[in-house]
PDB file of N, CA and C in Angstrom:
ATOM      1  N   MET A   1      76.833  83.212 116.186  1.00  0.00           N
ATOM      2  CA  MET A   1      78.149  83.536 115.722  1.00  0.00           C
ATOM      3  C   MET A   1      79.183  82.642 116.404  1.00  0.00           C
ATOM      4  N   THR A   2      79.036  82.441 117.682  1.00  0.00           N
ATOM      5  CA  THR A   2      79.981  81.585 118.407  1.00  0.00           C
ATOM      6  C   THR A   2      80.002  80.189 117.800  1.00  0.00           C
ATOM      7  N   GLN A   3      78.837  79.651 117.517  1.00  0.00           N
ATOM      8  CA  GLN A   3      78.766  78.303 116.945  1.00  0.00           C
ATOM      9  C   GLN A   3      79.401  78.260 115.563  1.00  0.00           C
ATOM     10  N   ALA A   4      79.189  79.294 114.754  1.00  0.00           N
ATOM     11  CA  ALA A   4      79.768  79.329 113.411  1.00  0.00           C
ATOM     12  C   ALA A   4      81.294  79.340 113.490  1.00  0.00           C
ATOM     13  N   LEU A   5      81.841  80.099 114.419  1.00  0.00           N
ATOM     14  CA  LEU A   5      83.296  80.165 114.559  1.00  0.00           C
ATOM     15  C   LEU A   5      83.849  78.867 115.141  1.00  0.00           C
ATOM     16  N   GLN A   6      83.171  78.318 116.125  1.00  0.00           N
ATOM     17  CA  GLN A   6      83.660  77.099 116.748  1.00  0.00           C
ATOM     18  C   GLN A   6      83.450  75.875 115.857  1.00  0.00           C
ATOM     19  N   ALA A   7      82.601  75.980 114.857  1.00  0.00           N
ATOM     20  CA  ALA A   7      82.478  74.893 113.885  1.00  0.00           C
ATOM     21  C   ALA A   7      83.754  74.799 113.055  1.00  0.00           C
ATOM     22  N   ARG A   8      84.413  75.935 112.859  1.00  0.00           N
ATOM     23  CA  ARG A   8      85.661  75.969 112.098  1.00  0.00           C
ATOM     24  C   ARG A   8      86.878  75.727 112.990  1.00  0.00           C
ATOM     25  N   ASP A   9      86.796  76.158 114.239  1.00  0.00           N
ATOM     26  CA  ASP A   9      87.875  75.965 115.211  1.00  0.00           C
ATOM     27  C   ASP A   9      87.237  75.681 116.563  1.00  0.00           C
ATOM     28  N   PRO A  10      87.092  74.413 116.915  1.00  0.00           N
ATOM     29  CA  PRO A  10      86.436  74.058 118.177  1.00  0.00           C
ATOM     30  C   PRO A  10      87.109  74.656 119.422  1.00  0.00           C
ATOM     31  N   GLN A  11      88.372  75.013 119.314  1.00  0.00           N
ATOM     32  CA  GLN A  11      89.096  75.584 120.445  1.00  0.00           C
ATOM     33  C   GLN A  11      89.012  77.110 120.490  1.00  0.00           C
ATOM     34  N   ALA A  12      88.334  77.716 119.528  1.00  0.00           N
ATOM     35  CA  ALA A  12      88.244  79.180 119.484  1.00  0.00           C
ATOM     36  C   ALA A  12      87.545  79.715 120.729  1.00  0.00           C
ATOM     37  N   GLU A  13      88.079  80.820 121.233  1.00  0.00           N
ATOM     38  CA  GLU A  13      87.448  81.521 122.346  1.00  0.00           C
ATOM     39  C   GLU A  13      86.760  82.744 121.760  1.00  0.00           C
ATOM     40  N   VAL A  14      85.451  82.832 121.951  1.00  0.00           N
ATOM     41  CA  VAL A  14      84.655  83.896 121.348  1.00  0.00           C
ATOM     42  C   VAL A  14      83.963  84.691 122.448  1.00  0.00           C
ATOM     43  N   GLN A  15      84.152  86.010 122.422  1.00  0.00           N
ATOM     44  CA  GLN A  15      83.476  86.900 123.368  1.00  0.00           C
ATOM     45  C   GLN A  15      82.641  87.878 122.559  1.00  0.00           C
ATOM     46  N   VAL A  16      81.345  87.897 122.809  1.00  0.00           N
ATOM     47  CA  VAL A  16      80.431  88.785 122.093  1.00  0.00           C
ATOM     48  C   VAL A  16      79.913  89.835 123.068  1.00  0.00           C
ATOM     49  N   ASP A  17      80.072  91.105 122.688  1.00  0.00           N
ATOM     50  CA  ASP A  17      79.550  92.225 123.467  1.00  0.00           C
ATOM     51  C   ASP A  17      78.480  92.892 122.608  1.00  0.00           C
ATOM     52  N   ILE A  18      77.242  92.475 122.796  1.00  0.00           N
ATOM     53  CA  ILE A  18      76.140  92.966 121.969  1.00  0.00           C
ATOM     54  C   ILE A  18      75.962  94.473 122.128  1.00  0.00           C
ATOM     55  N   ALA A  19      76.045  94.972 123.349  1.00  0.00           N
ATOM     56  CA  ALA A  19      75.843  96.399 123.600  1.00  0.00           C
ATOM     57  C   ALA A  19      76.860  97.255 122.853  1.00  0.00           C
ATOM     58  N   ALA A  20      78.101  96.793 122.795  1.00  0.00           N
ATOM     59  CA  ALA A  20      79.158  97.545 122.118  1.00  0.00           C
ATOM     60  C   ALA A  20      79.256  97.199 120.639  1.00  0.00           C
ATOM     61  N   GLY A  21      78.572  96.121 120.217  1.00  0.00           N
ATOM     62  CA  GLY A  21      78.648  95.694 118.830  1.00  0.00           C
ATOM     63  C   GLY A  21      80.011  95.125 118.481  1.00  0.00           C
ATOM     64  N   GLU A  22      80.621  94.428 119.446  1.00  0.00           N
ATOM     65  CA  GLU A  22      81.967  93.899 119.251  1.00  0.00           C
ATOM     66  C   GLU A  22      82.032  92.398 119.487  1.00  0.00           C
ATOM     67  N   VAL A  23      82.952  91.783 118.759  1.00  0.00           N
ATOM     68  CA  VAL A  23      83.250  90.368 118.952  1.00  0.00           C
ATOM     69  C   VAL A  23      84.761  90.242 119.047  1.00  0.00           C
ATOM     70  N   ARG A  24      85.217  89.490 120.023  1.00  0.00           N
ATOM     71  CA  ARG A  24      86.653  89.208 120.152  1.00  0.00           C
ATOM     72  C   ARG A  24      86.832  87.706 119.987  1.00  0.00           C
ATOM     73  N   VAL A  25      87.801  87.344 119.167  1.00  0.00           N
ATOM     74  CA  VAL A  25      88.023  85.935 118.867  1.00  0.00           C
ATOM     75  C   VAL A  25      89.500  85.601 119.051  1.00  0.00           C
ATOM     76  N   ALA A  26      89.765  84.555 119.810  1.00  0.00           N
ATOM     77  CA  ALA A  26      91.111  84.001 119.919  1.00  0.00           C
ATOM     78  C   ALA A  26      91.065  82.644 119.226  1.00  0.00           C
ATOM     79  N   SER A  27      91.798  82.532 118.114  1.00  0.00           N
ATOM     80  CA  SER A  27      91.737  81.328 117.300  1.00  0.00           C
ATOM     81  C   SER A  27      93.036  81.151 116.536  1.00  0.00           C
ATOM     82  N   HIS A  28      93.314  79.921 116.148  1.00  0.00           N
ATOM     83  CA  HIS A  28      94.479  79.664 115.309  1.00  0.00           C
ATOM     84  C   HIS A  28      94.167  79.935 113.836  1.00  0.00           C
ATOM     85  N   LEU A  29      92.895  80.190 113.522  1.00  0.00           N
ATOM     86  CA  LEU A  29      92.488  80.449 112.139  1.00  0.00           C
ATOM     87  C   LEU A  29      93.012  81.799 111.656  1.00  0.00           C
ATOM     88  N   PRO A  30      93.271  81.907 110.356  1.00  0.00           N
ATOM     89  CA  PRO A  30      93.653  83.211 109.806  1.00  0.00           C
ATOM     90  C   PRO A  30      92.528  84.226 109.995  1.00  0.00           C
ATOM     91  N   ARG A  31      92.896  85.499 110.126  1.00  0.00           N
ATOM     92  CA  ARG A  31      91.913  86.560 110.339  1.00  0.00           C
ATOM     93  C   ARG A  31      90.832  86.541 109.265  1.00  0.00           C
ATOM     94  N   GLU A  32      91.205  86.343 108.011  1.00  0.00           N
ATOM     95  CA  GLU A  32      90.225  86.380 106.931  1.00  0.00           C
ATOM     96  C   GLU A  32      89.204  85.243 107.062  1.00  0.00           C
ATOM     97  N   THR A  33      89.619  84.103 107.550  1.00  0.00           N
ATOM     98  CA  THR A  33      88.686  82.992 107.764  1.00  0.00           C
ATOM     99  C   THR A  33      87.690  83.340 108.862  1.00  0.00           C
ATOM    100  N   VAL A  34      88.178  83.955 109.922  1.00  0.00           N
ATOM    101  CA  VAL A  34      87.294  84.389 111.015  1.00  0.00           C
ATOM    102  C   VAL A  34      86.328  85.458 110.495  1.00  0.00           C
ATOM    103  N   ALA A  35      86.848  86.425 109.740  1.00  0.00           N
ATOM    104  CA  ALA A  35      86.013  87.491 109.192  1.00  0.00           C
ATOM    105  C   ALA A  35      84.950  86.928 108.263  1.00  0.00           C
ATOM    106  N   ALA A  36      85.310  85.952 107.437  1.00  0.00           N
ATOM    107  CA  ALA A  36      84.349  85.344 106.517  1.00  0.00           C
ATOM    108  C   ALA A  36      83.229  84.643 107.287  1.00  0.00           C
ATOM    109  N   ALA A  37      83.572  83.958 108.363  1.00  0.00           N
ATOM    110  CA  ALA A  37      82.563  83.277 109.177  1.00  0.00           C
ATOM    111  C   ALA A  37      81.594  84.286 109.787  1.00  0.00           C
ATOM    112  N   ILE A  38      82.121  85.418 110.229  1.00  0.00           N
ATOM    113  CA  ILE A  38      81.267  86.455 110.814  1.00  0.00           C
ATOM    114  C   ILE A  38      80.363  87.058 109.745  1.00  0.00           C
ATOM    115  N   ARG A  39      80.914  87.336 108.574  1.00  0.00           N
ATOM    116  CA  ARG A  39      80.102  87.880 107.468  1.00  0.00           C
ATOM    117  C   ARG A  39      79.000  86.909 107.053  1.00  0.00           C
ATOM    118  N   GLU A  40      79.311  85.616 107.020  1.00  0.00           N
ATOM    119  CA  GLU A  40      78.315  84.602 106.652  1.00  0.00           C
ATOM    120  C   GLU A  40      77.130  84.600 107.608  1.00  0.00           C
ATOM    121  N   GLU A  41      77.368  85.027 108.836  1.00  0.00           N
ATOM    122  CA  GLU A  41      76.291  85.108 109.823  1.00  0.00           C
ATOM    123  C   GLU A  41      75.500  86.423 109.682  1.00  0.00           C
ATOM    124  N   GLY A  42      75.901  87.285 108.739  1.00  0.00           N
ATOM    125  CA  GLY A  42      75.153  88.501 108.476  1.00  0.00           C
ATOM    126  C   GLY A  42      75.652  89.744 109.183  1.00  0.00           C
ATOM    127  N   TYR A  43      76.878  89.680 109.712  1.00  0.00           N
ATOM    128  CA  TYR A  43      77.440  90.809 110.437  1.00  0.00           C
ATOM    129  C   TYR A  43      78.562  91.454 109.640  1.00  0.00           C
ATOM    130  N   ALA A  44      78.766  92.750 109.854  1.00  0.00           N
ATOM    131  CA  ALA A  44      79.855  93.476 109.214  1.00  0.00           C
ATOM    132  C   ALA A  44      81.137  93.259 110.005  1.00  0.00           C
ATOM    133  N   VAL A  45      82.259  93.340 109.312  1.00  0.00           N
ATOM    134  CA  VAL A  45      83.565  93.199 109.949  1.00  0.00           C
ATOM    135  C   VAL A  45      84.369  94.453 109.674  1.00  0.00           C
ATOM    136  N   SER A  46      84.921  95.034 110.732  1.00  0.00           N
ATOM    137  CA  SER A  46      85.780  96.220 110.608  1.00  0.00           C
ATOM    138  C   SER A  46      87.232  95.792 110.649  1.00  0.00           C
ATOM    139  N   PRO A  47      88.086  96.576 110.033  1.00  0.00           N
ATOM    140  CA  PRO A  47      89.524  96.215 110.063  1.00  0.00           C
ATOM    141  C   PRO A  47      90.126  96.217 111.441  1.00  0.00           C
TER     142      PRO A  47
END
């Protein structure tokens, strides 16, 4: 997931918490672009 997001924004900061099932992303990309990248990797996105 980190690689998929950083392919779109190399400066993105991605924190994945597998135990909590959470991802935090700091990026200049619009939220929907980030959400689409996460969905493409096979993960659900919550509002």
